[in-house]
Amino acid sequence: MGTVYFAVRTKIDQVDRSYPILLDHLKGLDDGSFNKNIYCSEETARLLPLIVNRHGRPLYEYLKDKLIPVPYNEAFKLPYKDEKSMDREVEVVLLSANHCIGSSM
């Protein structure tokens, strides 16, 4: 993905691995065993399930139900357990990293 942030405005049915996505950021997700929720930008949630390998086989489609799209610049609460197993939450705001489509910090 490019270095300038932009929203995809066209209908996309699949994304080939040659599409400029930083695949090194996705290591460990393509073996099908990852089973945690993934809080991510709306663009990432839309594009990740569409990435295919060179044979056209989807690599991350199995994650569809685990992706939780979060709009940029809007606070949301993320629950977690602290070291004493107490229920806590932290407020998170995704900011565009202006690095590639869907990248955030």
N, C-alpha and C. Protein backbone atom coordinates (compact mmCIF):
# COMPACT_ATOMS: atom_id res chain seq x y z
N MET A 1 0.83 -1.16 0.00
CA MET A 1 0.00 0.00 0.00
C MET A 1 0.89 1.23 0.00
N GLY A 2 0.38 2.30 -0.56
CA GLY A 2 1.17 3.49 -0.74
C GLY A 2 1.50 4.21 0.54
N THR A 3 2.29 5.24 0.42
CA THR A 3 2.68 6.01 1.60
C THR A 3 1.69 7.12 1.92
N VAL A 4 0.72 7.32 1.05
CA VAL A 4 -0.29 8.35 1.30
C VAL A 4 -1.59 7.65 1.64
N TYR A 5 -2.24 8.09 2.70
CA TYR A 5 -3.51 7.51 3.11
C TYR A 5 -4.60 7.91 2.12
N PHE A 6 -5.38 6.94 1.69
CA PHE A 6 -6.58 7.25 0.91
C PHE A 6 -7.58 6.13 1.11
N ALA A 7 -8.84 6.46 0.98
CA ALA A 7 -9.90 5.46 1.15
C ALA A 7 -10.19 4.80 -0.18
N VAL A 8 -10.38 3.49 -0.14
CA VAL A 8 -10.75 2.76 -1.35
C VAL A 8 -12.22 3.04 -1.64
N ARG A 9 -12.50 3.53 -2.81
CA ARG A 9 -13.86 3.91 -3.16
C ARG A 9 -14.48 2.97 -4.19
N THR A 10 -13.73 1.99 -4.65
CA THR A 10 -14.25 1.08 -5.66
C THR A 10 -14.56 -0.27 -5.04
N LYS A 11 -15.38 -1.06 -5.74
CA LYS A 11 -15.70 -2.41 -5.28
C LYS A 11 -14.50 -3.30 -5.59
N ILE A 12 -14.05 -4.02 -4.56
CA ILE A 12 -12.92 -4.92 -4.72
C ILE A 12 -13.39 -6.32 -4.35
N ASP A 13 -13.15 -7.29 -5.22
CA ASP A 13 -13.55 -8.66 -4.92
C ASP A 13 -12.42 -9.47 -4.30
N GLN A 14 -11.20 -9.19 -4.67
CA GLN A 14 -10.06 -9.84 -4.05
C GLN A 14 -8.82 -8.97 -4.24
N VAL A 15 -7.87 -9.17 -3.37
CA VAL A 15 -6.63 -8.41 -3.42
C VAL A 15 -5.50 -9.41 -3.63
N ASP A 16 -4.77 -9.27 -4.71
CA ASP A 16 -3.64 -10.14 -5.01
C ASP A 16 -2.48 -9.79 -4.10
N ARG A 17 -1.62 -10.75 -3.81
CA ARG A 17 -0.46 -10.48 -2.93
C ARG A 17 0.46 -9.42 -3.50
N SER A 18 0.37 -9.17 -4.80
CA SER A 18 1.22 -8.14 -5.39
C SER A 18 0.71 -6.74 -5.05
N TYR A 19 -0.53 -6.65 -4.56
CA TYR A 19 -1.08 -5.37 -4.11
C TYR A 19 -0.16 -4.86 -3.00
N PRO A 20 0.15 -3.59 -3.00
CA PRO A 20 1.18 -3.12 -2.06
C PRO A 20 0.73 -3.12 -0.60
N ILE A 21 0.61 -4.30 -0.01
CA ILE A 21 0.28 -4.47 1.40
C ILE A 21 1.57 -4.92 2.07
N LEU A 22 1.82 -4.46 3.25
CA LEU A 22 3.03 -4.86 3.95
C LEU A 22 2.79 -6.23 4.58
N LEU A 23 3.01 -7.28 3.79
CA LEU A 23 2.71 -8.63 4.24
C LEU A 23 3.55 -9.07 5.42
N ASP A 24 4.71 -8.45 5.62
CA ASP A 24 5.51 -8.83 6.78
C ASP A 24 4.81 -8.47 8.08
N HIS A 25 3.83 -7.56 8.03
CA HIS A 25 3.06 -7.19 9.22
C HIS A 25 1.98 -8.23 9.51
N LEU A 26 1.77 -9.18 8.61
CA LEU A 26 0.71 -10.17 8.76
C LEU A 26 1.24 -11.55 9.10
N LYS A 27 2.52 -11.66 9.37
CA LYS A 27 3.12 -12.97 9.68
C LYS A 27 2.37 -13.63 10.83
N GLY A 28 2.15 -14.91 10.69
CA GLY A 28 1.47 -15.67 11.74
C GLY A 28 -0.04 -15.71 11.59
N LEU A 29 -0.58 -14.89 10.70
CA LEU A 29 -2.04 -14.88 10.52
C LEU A 29 -2.50 -15.82 9.41
N ASP A 30 -1.58 -16.27 8.56
CA ASP A 30 -2.01 -17.04 7.39
C ASP A 30 -2.03 -18.55 7.61
N ASP A 31 -1.76 -19.02 8.83
CA ASP A 31 -1.81 -20.47 9.05
C ASP A 31 -3.18 -20.94 9.52
N GLY A 32 -4.11 -20.02 9.72
CA GLY A 32 -5.48 -20.39 10.08
C GLY A 32 -5.72 -20.66 11.55
N SER A 33 -4.71 -20.50 12.39
CA SER A 33 -4.88 -20.83 13.81
C SER A 33 -5.15 -19.62 14.70
N PHE A 34 -4.99 -18.42 14.18
CA PHE A 34 -5.18 -17.22 15.01
C PHE A 34 -6.65 -17.11 15.38
N ASN A 35 -6.98 -16.95 16.67
CA ASN A 35 -8.38 -16.94 17.07
C ASN A 35 -8.76 -15.83 18.04
N LYS A 36 -8.03 -14.74 18.01
CA LYS A 36 -8.34 -13.59 18.87
C LYS A 36 -8.99 -12.49 18.03
N ASN A 37 -9.71 -11.59 18.71
CA ASN A 37 -10.26 -10.43 18.00
C ASN A 37 -9.13 -9.52 17.55
N ILE A 38 -9.34 -8.90 16.39
CA ILE A 38 -8.36 -7.96 15.85
C ILE A 38 -9.06 -6.62 15.68
N TYR A 39 -8.68 -5.66 16.50
CA TYR A 39 -9.20 -4.30 16.37
C TYR A 39 -8.35 -3.61 15.33
N CYS A 40 -8.98 -3.11 14.29
CA CYS A 40 -8.21 -2.55 13.17
C CYS A 40 -9.01 -1.45 12.49
N SER A 41 -8.35 -0.75 11.60
CA SER A 41 -9.03 0.31 10.85
C SER A 41 -10.11 -0.31 9.95
N GLU A 42 -11.04 0.50 9.56
CA GLU A 42 -12.12 0.03 8.68
C GLU A 42 -11.56 -0.48 7.36
N GLU A 43 -10.52 0.19 6.85
CA GLU A 43 -9.92 -0.25 5.58
C GLU A 43 -9.27 -1.62 5.72
N THR A 44 -8.56 -1.83 6.81
CA THR A 44 -7.93 -3.13 7.04
C THR A 44 -8.99 -4.22 7.16
N ALA A 45 -10.06 -3.95 7.88
CA ALA A 45 -11.14 -4.94 8.03
C ALA A 45 -11.77 -5.29 6.70
N ARG A 46 -11.84 -4.32 5.80
CA ARG A 46 -12.43 -4.57 4.48
C ARG A 46 -11.46 -5.31 3.56
N LEU A 47 -10.18 -4.98 3.63
CA LEU A 47 -9.22 -5.55 2.68
C LEU A 47 -8.60 -6.88 3.12
N LEU A 48 -8.36 -7.08 4.39
CA LEU A 48 -7.64 -8.27 4.85
C LEU A 48 -8.28 -9.58 4.37
N PRO A 49 -9.60 -9.75 4.46
CA PRO A 49 -10.19 -11.00 3.99
C PRO A 49 -10.10 -11.20 2.47
N LEU A 50 -9.74 -10.18 1.74
CA LEU A 50 -9.70 -10.26 0.28
C LEU A 50 -8.32 -10.63 -0.26
N ILE A 51 -7.31 -10.68 0.59
CA ILE A 51 -5.96 -10.99 0.13
C ILE A 51 -5.87 -12.45 -0.27
N VAL A 52 -5.35 -12.70 -1.46
CA VAL A 52 -5.21 -14.06 -1.97
C VAL A 52 -3.74 -14.36 -2.26
N ASN A 53 -3.42 -15.65 -2.32
CA ASN A 53 -2.07 -16.04 -2.71
C ASN A 53 -1.98 -16.10 -4.23
N ARG A 54 -0.85 -16.54 -4.75
CA ARG A 54 -0.66 -16.53 -6.21
C ARG A 54 -1.58 -17.50 -6.94
N HIS A 55 -2.21 -18.41 -6.19
CA HIS A 55 -3.14 -19.36 -6.79
C HIS A 55 -4.60 -18.90 -6.64
N GLY A 56 -4.78 -17.71 -6.10
CA GLY A 56 -6.12 -17.16 -5.93
C GLY A 56 -6.84 -17.64 -4.68
N ARG A 57 -6.13 -18.36 -3.80
CA ARG A 57 -6.73 -18.86 -2.57
C ARG A 57 -6.68 -17.78 -1.49
N PRO A 58 -7.83 -17.47 -0.86
CA PRO A 58 -7.83 -16.45 0.20
C PRO A 58 -6.95 -16.88 1.37
N LEU A 59 -6.17 -15.94 1.88
CA LEU A 59 -5.27 -16.23 2.99
C LEU A 59 -5.86 -15.89 4.35
N TYR A 60 -6.67 -14.85 4.40
CA TYR A 60 -7.14 -14.35 5.70
C TYR A 60 -8.66 -14.30 5.80
N GLU A 61 -9.35 -14.93 4.89
CA GLU A 61 -10.81 -14.92 4.92
C GLU A 61 -11.35 -15.48 6.24
N TYR A 62 -10.64 -16.44 6.81
CA TYR A 62 -11.08 -17.04 8.07
C TYR A 62 -11.13 -16.04 9.22
N LEU A 63 -10.47 -14.90 9.07
CA LEU A 63 -10.45 -13.88 10.12
C LEU A 63 -11.66 -12.95 10.10
N LYS A 64 -12.50 -13.06 9.07
CA LYS A 64 -13.62 -12.13 8.89
C LYS A 64 -14.39 -11.87 10.19
N ASP A 65 -14.70 -12.93 10.91
CA ASP A 65 -15.50 -12.78 12.13
C ASP A 65 -14.70 -12.28 13.32
N LYS A 66 -13.39 -12.20 13.18
CA LYS A 66 -12.52 -11.72 14.26
C LYS A 66 -12.16 -10.25 14.10
N LEU A 67 -12.40 -9.68 12.93
CA LEU A 67 -12.02 -8.29 12.65
C LEU A 67 -13.05 -7.34 13.23
N ILE A 68 -12.59 -6.42 14.02
CA ILE A 68 -13.46 -5.40 14.61
C ILE A 68 -13.02 -4.05 14.06
N PRO A 69 -13.76 -3.54 13.05
CA PRO A 69 -13.37 -2.27 12.45
C PRO A 69 -13.61 -1.10 13.39
N VAL A 70 -12.62 -0.22 13.44
CA VAL A 70 -12.69 0.95 14.30
C VAL A 70 -12.39 2.19 13.45
N PRO A 71 -13.26 3.19 13.50
CA PRO A 71 -12.98 4.42 12.73
C PRO A 71 -11.79 5.17 13.32
N TYR A 72 -11.07 5.84 12.44
CA TYR A 72 -9.98 6.70 12.90
C TYR A 72 -10.53 7.83 13.76
N ASN A 73 -9.72 8.27 14.71
CA ASN A 73 -9.98 9.47 15.52
C ASN A 73 -11.21 9.39 16.40
N GLU A 74 -11.69 8.18 16.67
CA GLU A 74 -12.82 8.01 17.58
C GLU A 74 -12.40 7.08 18.71
N ALA A 75 -12.56 7.55 19.94
CA ALA A 75 -12.17 6.74 21.10
C ALA A 75 -13.10 5.55 21.26
N PHE A 76 -12.52 4.43 21.65
CA PHE A 76 -13.32 3.26 22.01
C PHE A 76 -12.65 2.59 23.20
N LYS A 77 -13.41 1.84 23.95
CA LYS A 77 -12.89 1.18 25.14
C LYS A 77 -12.54 -0.27 24.81
N LEU A 78 -11.37 -0.66 25.25
CA LEU A 78 -10.86 -2.00 25.01
C LEU A 78 -10.72 -2.70 26.36
N PRO A 79 -11.53 -3.76 26.58
CA PRO A 79 -11.44 -4.46 27.87
C PRO A 79 -10.20 -5.33 27.96
N TYR A 80 -9.69 -5.49 29.17
CA TYR A 80 -8.56 -6.39 29.42
C TYR A 80 -8.56 -6.79 30.89
N LYS A 81 -7.77 -7.77 31.23
CA LYS A 81 -7.59 -8.17 32.63
C LYS A 81 -6.20 -7.74 33.07
N ASP A 82 -6.12 -7.13 34.24
CA ASP A 82 -4.81 -6.71 34.74
C ASP A 82 -4.08 -7.90 35.38
N GLU A 83 -2.91 -7.64 35.96
CA GLU A 83 -2.10 -8.73 36.51
C GLU A 83 -2.78 -9.48 37.65
N LYS A 84 -3.81 -8.89 38.26
CA LYS A 84 -4.56 -9.56 39.32
C LYS A 84 -5.89 -10.12 38.80
N SER A 85 -6.01 -10.22 37.48
CA SER A 85 -7.21 -10.73 36.81
C SER A 85 -8.45 -9.87 37.08
N MET A 86 -8.21 -8.61 37.35
CA MET A 86 -9.33 -7.68 37.53
C MET A 86 -9.74 -7.15 36.16
N ASP A 87 -11.04 -7.05 35.95
CA ASP A 87 -11.53 -6.50 34.68
C ASP A 87 -11.24 -5.02 34.62
N ARG A 88 -10.61 -4.61 33.57
CA ARG A 88 -10.25 -3.21 33.34
C ARG A 88 -10.60 -2.84 31.91
N GLU A 89 -10.41 -1.60 31.59
CA GLU A 89 -10.55 -1.16 30.19
C GLU A 89 -9.63 0.02 29.96
N VAL A 90 -9.19 0.14 28.73
CA VAL A 90 -8.34 1.26 28.34
C VAL A 90 -9.01 1.94 27.15
N GLU A 91 -8.91 3.23 27.10
CA GLU A 91 -9.48 3.97 25.97
C GLU A 91 -8.42 4.08 24.88
N VAL A 92 -8.81 3.72 23.67
CA VAL A 92 -7.89 3.69 22.54
C VAL A 92 -8.44 4.57 21.42
N VAL A 93 -7.56 5.24 20.72
CA VAL A 93 -7.92 6.03 19.53
C VAL A 93 -6.97 5.62 18.41
N LEU A 94 -7.52 5.12 17.31
CA LEU A 94 -6.69 4.79 16.15
C LEU A 94 -6.43 6.07 15.36
N LEU A 95 -5.17 6.28 15.03
CA LEU A 95 -4.78 7.40 14.19
C LEU A 95 -4.21 6.85 12.89
N SER A 96 -4.47 7.51 11.80
CA SER A 96 -3.89 7.08 10.54
C SER A 96 -2.39 7.27 10.60
N ALA A 97 -1.65 6.23 10.19
CA ALA A 97 -0.20 6.31 10.18
C ALA A 97 0.32 6.94 8.88
N ASN A 98 -0.58 7.17 7.92
CA ASN A 98 -0.18 7.73 6.62
C ASN A 98 0.97 6.94 6.00
N HIS A 99 0.90 5.63 6.14
CA HIS A 99 1.96 4.76 5.66
C HIS A 99 1.45 3.88 4.52
N CYS A 100 0.30 3.28 4.70
CA CYS A 100 -0.34 2.48 3.67
C CYS A 100 -1.83 2.40 4.02
N ILE A 101 -2.62 1.93 3.10
CA ILE A 101 -4.07 1.88 3.34
C ILE A 101 -4.35 1.08 4.61
N GLY A 102 -5.09 1.66 5.49
CA GLY A 102 -5.49 0.97 6.72
C GLY A 102 -4.47 1.01 7.84
N SER A 103 -3.28 1.52 7.57
CA SER A 103 -2.27 1.55 8.64
C SER A 103 -2.69 2.53 9.72
N SER A 104 -2.38 2.16 10.95
CA SER A 104 -2.77 3.01 12.06
C SER A 104 -1.74 2.93 13.17
N MET A 105 -1.84 3.87 14.06
CA MET A 105 -0.95 3.89 15.23
C MET A 105 -1.76 4.33 16.41
